């Protein structure tokens, strides 16, 4: 018998054109689908392919898609499912500069690869040298995770003259209180926008910072890393 989450996924996503495993919450799925339907980007980039969940949405609404992942076996498994997508195996720092040289119409980027502080910052840093020819929207998944969030917040976004705004809590994440990830904070979308024109007064915001602060003090993230692998009651 299916649990409620599986039932909702089947009714609202799997039977409506999104059959692939998709490791996002329902609000994240609806947000990504709605956003892509509105933007219909000429060129989109995904960093971190996973099981093709997000890719099935990005491909549907984009004219051209690049998907970057470090695991060739994973890419090989997705190629037959997404024949129109250009898959590139390698680290984002090696691959994205080449894409930026050849593509001037990039309108959307999903950053969902390396979830370490340094990894997130390296992915964001790649965008600093890109001059958009149109509005460029960047979604960063798992912005509710403390390490990912700190990487996003600490980054010097203003070094790009085209950076317009950053909303760290575009979609709020989850504080898991049961199961495998009990006590951990994951999920959430941070949203950044880059303009084709130079921006004089960029804006930053974190609308749910209070909720984040309340959760982290009760989470495993408040413990030393060596003590985190335990269930919290």
Protein backbone atom coordinates (compact mmCIF):
# COMPACT_ATOMS: atom_id res chain seq x y z
CA UNK A 1 0.00 0.00 0.00
CA UNK A 2 1.35 3.41 -0.97
CA UNK A 3 1.96 6.00 1.72
CA UNK A 4 0.49 9.47 1.33
CA UNK A 5 3.63 11.00 -0.16
CA UNK A 6 3.80 8.28 -2.82
CA UNK A 7 0.10 8.73 -3.58
CA UNK A 8 0.46 12.50 -4.03
CA UNK A 9 3.55 12.05 -6.22
CA UNK A 10 1.69 9.61 -8.45
CA UNK A 11 -1.47 11.72 -8.75
CA UNK A 12 0.17 15.11 -9.27
CA UNK A 13 3.49 14.33 -10.94
CA UNK A 14 4.12 10.76 -12.17
CA UNK A 15 0.88 10.48 -14.15
CA UNK A 16 1.21 14.04 -15.50
CA UNK A 17 4.42 13.71 -17.43
CA UNK A 18 7.05 13.51 -14.67
CA UNK A 19 7.72 9.78 -14.12
CA UNK A 20 11.34 9.97 -12.97
CA UNK A 21 12.46 9.88 -9.35
CA UNK A 22 12.54 13.46 -8.13
CA UNK A 23 14.25 14.26 -4.82
CA UNK A 24 12.42 17.48 -4.00
CA UNK A 25 9.50 18.44 -1.79
CA UNK A 26 6.06 19.09 -3.25
CA UNK A 27 6.42 22.91 -2.91
CA UNK A 28 9.81 22.71 -4.65
CA UNK A 29 8.36 20.61 -7.48
CA UNK A 30 5.44 22.98 -8.07
CA UNK A 31 7.74 25.99 -7.88
CA UNK A 32 10.24 24.61 -10.38
CA UNK A 33 7.49 23.52 -12.77
CA UNK A 34 5.68 26.86 -12.55
CA UNK A 35 8.83 28.89 -12.85
CA UNK A 36 10.07 27.01 -15.91
CA UNK A 37 6.65 27.29 -17.54
CA UNK A 38 6.81 31.08 -17.13
CA UNK A 39 10.44 31.55 -18.16
CA UNK A 40 10.70 29.06 -21.06
CA UNK A 41 14.48 29.63 -21.22
CA UNK A 42 16.41 29.50 -24.47
CA UNK A 43 19.26 27.73 -22.67
CA UNK A 44 19.22 26.04 -19.25
CA UNK A 45 22.00 24.42 -17.24
CA UNK A 46 21.67 21.80 -14.50
CA UNK A 47 24.58 21.08 -12.15
CA UNK A 48 23.98 17.68 -10.57
CA UNK A 49 21.80 15.29 -12.59
CA UNK A 50 20.86 12.74 -9.87
CA UNK A 51 17.93 10.63 -11.14
CA UNK A 52 16.61 13.05 -13.76
CA UNK A 53 13.81 14.40 -11.59
CA UNK A 54 14.53 18.09 -12.06
CA UNK A 55 15.85 17.49 -15.55
CA UNK A 56 12.48 16.21 -16.77
CA UNK A 57 11.00 19.62 -15.92
CA UNK A 58 13.88 21.71 -17.24
CA UNK A 59 13.90 19.79 -20.54
CA UNK A 60 10.16 20.23 -21.01
CA UNK A 61 10.29 24.03 -21.03
CA UNK A 62 13.79 24.82 -22.36
CA UNK A 63 14.90 25.06 -25.97
CA UNK A 64 18.36 23.72 -25.10
CA UNK A 65 19.64 22.00 -21.95
CA UNK A 66 23.06 21.14 -20.57
CA UNK A 67 23.27 18.68 -17.67
CA UNK A 68 26.57 18.44 -15.81
CA UNK A 69 27.52 15.57 -13.49
CA UNK A 70 30.74 13.94 -12.31
CA UNK A 71 29.50 10.33 -12.66
CA UNK A 72 29.65 8.89 -16.17
CA UNK A 73 27.57 5.86 -15.20
CA UNK A 74 24.74 8.13 -14.07
CA UNK A 75 24.93 10.13 -17.29
CA UNK A 76 24.85 6.96 -19.39
CA UNK A 77 21.67 5.90 -17.63
CA UNK A 78 19.97 9.22 -18.37
CA UNK A 79 20.99 9.69 -22.00
CA UNK A 80 18.35 7.33 -23.37
CA UNK A 81 15.65 9.02 -21.28
CA UNK A 82 16.64 12.54 -22.34
CA UNK A 83 17.99 12.33 -25.92
CA UNK A 84 17.71 16.10 -26.51
CA UNK A 85 19.85 17.01 -23.47
CA UNK A 86 23.57 17.62 -23.84
CA UNK A 87 25.22 15.70 -21.00
CA UNK A 88 28.70 16.69 -19.89
CA UNK A 89 30.76 14.60 -17.48
CA UNK A 90 33.16 16.52 -15.28
CA UNK A 91 33.41 19.04 -12.49
CA UNK A 92 31.41 22.22 -13.00
CA UNK A 93 34.58 24.31 -12.80
CA UNK A 94 35.94 22.48 -15.84
CA UNK A 95 32.75 22.34 -17.88
CA UNK A 96 30.78 25.55 -17.29
CA UNK A 97 33.41 28.03 -18.56
CA UNK A 98 33.23 26.31 -21.96
CA UNK A 99 29.44 26.52 -21.99
CA UNK A 100 29.58 30.21 -21.07
CA UNK A 101 31.91 30.86 -24.01
CA UNK A 102 29.56 29.30 -26.53
CA UNK A 103 26.13 30.16 -25.10
CA UNK A 104 24.99 33.77 -24.68
CA UNK A 105 21.29 33.09 -24.15
CA UNK A 106 21.42 31.27 -20.80
CA UNK A 107 18.25 32.01 -18.87
CA UNK A 108 18.21 29.42 -16.09
CA UNK A 109 20.73 27.53 -13.93
CA UNK A 110 19.97 24.91 -11.27
CA UNK A 111 22.81 24.39 -8.78
CA UNK A 112 22.29 21.04 -7.05
CA UNK A 113 25.69 19.36 -7.09
CA UNK A 114 28.38 19.62 -4.42
CA UNK A 115 26.59 20.46 -1.14
CA UNK A 116 29.71 21.43 0.79
CA UNK A 117 30.43 25.05 1.71
CA UNK A 118 33.37 25.18 -0.70
CA UNK A 119 31.49 23.34 -3.45
CA UNK A 120 28.53 25.71 -3.37
CA UNK A 121 30.81 28.74 -3.45
CA UNK A 122 32.79 27.34 -6.38
CA UNK A 123 29.61 26.81 -8.40
CA UNK A 124 28.37 30.33 -7.67
CA UNK A 125 31.78 31.81 -8.47
CA UNK A 126 31.54 30.43 -12.01
CA UNK A 127 28.62 32.79 -12.67
CA UNK A 128 30.60 35.91 -11.79
CA UNK A 129 32.38 36.10 -15.14
CA UNK A 130 29.22 35.58 -17.20
CA UNK A 131 27.52 38.59 -18.79
CA UNK A 132 23.85 37.75 -19.34
CA UNK A 133 22.18 38.75 -22.59
CA UNK A 134 18.79 38.36 -20.90
CA UNK A 135 17.48 37.88 -17.38
CA UNK A 136 19.26 34.94 -15.78
CA UNK A 137 17.63 33.10 -12.86
CA UNK A 138 19.63 30.76 -10.64
CA UNK A 139 18.04 28.25 -8.26
CA UNK A 140 20.22 26.73 -5.52
CA UNK A 141 18.70 23.63 -3.95
CA UNK A 142 19.02 22.74 -0.26
CA UNK A 143 19.40 26.34 0.89
CA UNK A 144 17.95 25.31 4.28
CA UNK A 145 20.95 23.08 4.95
CA UNK A 146 23.37 25.06 7.17
CA UNK A 147 26.51 24.34 5.16
CA UNK A 148 24.87 25.10 1.82
CA UNK A 149 23.15 28.19 3.23
CA UNK A 150 26.37 29.56 4.67
CA UNK A 151 28.09 29.06 1.33
CA UNK A 152 25.35 31.05 -0.38
CA UNK A 153 25.13 33.82 2.21
CA UNK A 154 28.89 34.29 2.64
CA UNK A 155 29.55 34.61 -1.07
CA UNK A 156 30.39 38.06 -2.46
CA UNK A 157 27.59 38.22 -5.01
CA UNK A 158 28.13 41.92 -5.58
CA UNK A 159 31.38 41.24 -7.43
CA UNK A 160 29.20 40.70 -10.49
CA UNK A 161 27.93 44.05 -11.80
CA UNK A 162 24.89 42.18 -13.17
CA UNK A 163 23.77 40.68 -9.86
CA UNK A 164 20.28 42.04 -9.09
CA UNK A 165 18.98 40.13 -6.08
CA UNK A 166 19.24 37.08 -3.84
CA UNK A 167 16.36 35.57 -1.88
CA UNK A 168 17.81 32.81 0.31
CA UNK A 169 14.35 31.55 1.30
CA UNK A 170 12.53 31.57 -2.05
CA UNK A 171 11.13 28.19 -0.98
CA UNK A 172 11.53 27.15 2.64
CA UNK A 173 13.27 23.87 3.45
CA UNK A 174 12.51 21.11 5.94
CA UNK A 175 13.58 20.19 9.47
CA UNK A 176 13.27 16.40 9.40
CA UNK A 177 11.88 14.89 12.59
CA UNK A 178 11.68 11.23 11.70
CA UNK A 179 13.32 8.52 9.64
CA UNK A 180 16.78 8.41 8.13
CA UNK A 181 17.32 12.18 8.22
CA UNK A 182 15.85 12.78 11.66
CA UNK A 183 17.29 16.02 13.05
CA UNK A 184 18.73 17.23 9.74
CA UNK A 185 17.83 20.34 7.76
CA UNK A 186 17.53 19.94 4.00
CA UNK A 187 15.61 21.25 1.03
CA UNK A 188 14.66 24.78 0.16
CA UNK A 189 15.33 26.99 -2.85
CA UNK A 190 17.51 30.08 -2.87
CA UNK A 191 16.89 32.29 -5.90
CA UNK A 192 19.34 34.71 -7.49
CA UNK A 193 18.78 36.91 -10.50
CA UNK A 194 21.31 38.48 -12.87
CA UNK A 195 20.30 41.28 -15.22
CA UNK A 196 21.66 42.01 -18.71
CA UNK A 197 22.14 45.60 -17.54
CA UNK A 198 24.50 46.75 -14.80
CA UNK A 199 22.79 46.91 -11.40
CA UNK A 200 23.50 49.82 -9.06
CA UNK A 201 21.74 48.61 -5.91
CA UNK A 202 21.50 44.82 -5.61
CA UNK A 203 19.28 43.39 -2.88
CA UNK A 204 19.63 40.42 -0.53
CA UNK A 205 16.91 38.86 1.61
CA UNK A 206 16.24 35.83 3.83
CA UNK A 207 12.55 36.00 4.68
CA UNK A 208 12.53 32.88 6.86
CA UNK A 209 15.73 33.48 8.80
CA UNK A 210 13.81 33.33 12.09
CA UNK A 211 12.48 29.87 11.29
CA UNK A 212 15.95 28.75 10.25
CA UNK A 213 17.46 30.02 13.51
CA UNK A 214 14.81 28.21 15.56
CA UNK A 215 15.43 24.93 13.76
CA UNK A 216 19.21 24.88 13.75
CA UNK A 217 19.48 25.15 17.53
CA UNK A 218 17.45 21.92 17.83
CA UNK A 219 19.07 20.09 14.92
CA UNK A 220 22.02 17.75 14.60
CA UNK A 221 23.87 20.59 12.92
CA UNK A 222 24.35 22.13 16.36
CA UNK A 223 26.46 19.10 17.30
CA UNK A 224 30.10 18.46 16.40
CA UNK A 225 30.19 16.54 13.10
CA UNK A 226 31.50 13.36 14.76
CA UNK A 227 28.34 13.16 16.91
CA UNK A 228 25.75 13.80 14.21
CA UNK A 229 25.05 10.26 13.09
CA UNK A 230 22.34 9.49 15.59
CA UNK A 231 18.60 9.80 15.81
CA UNK A 232 17.16 12.72 17.74
CA UNK A 233 13.97 12.26 19.68
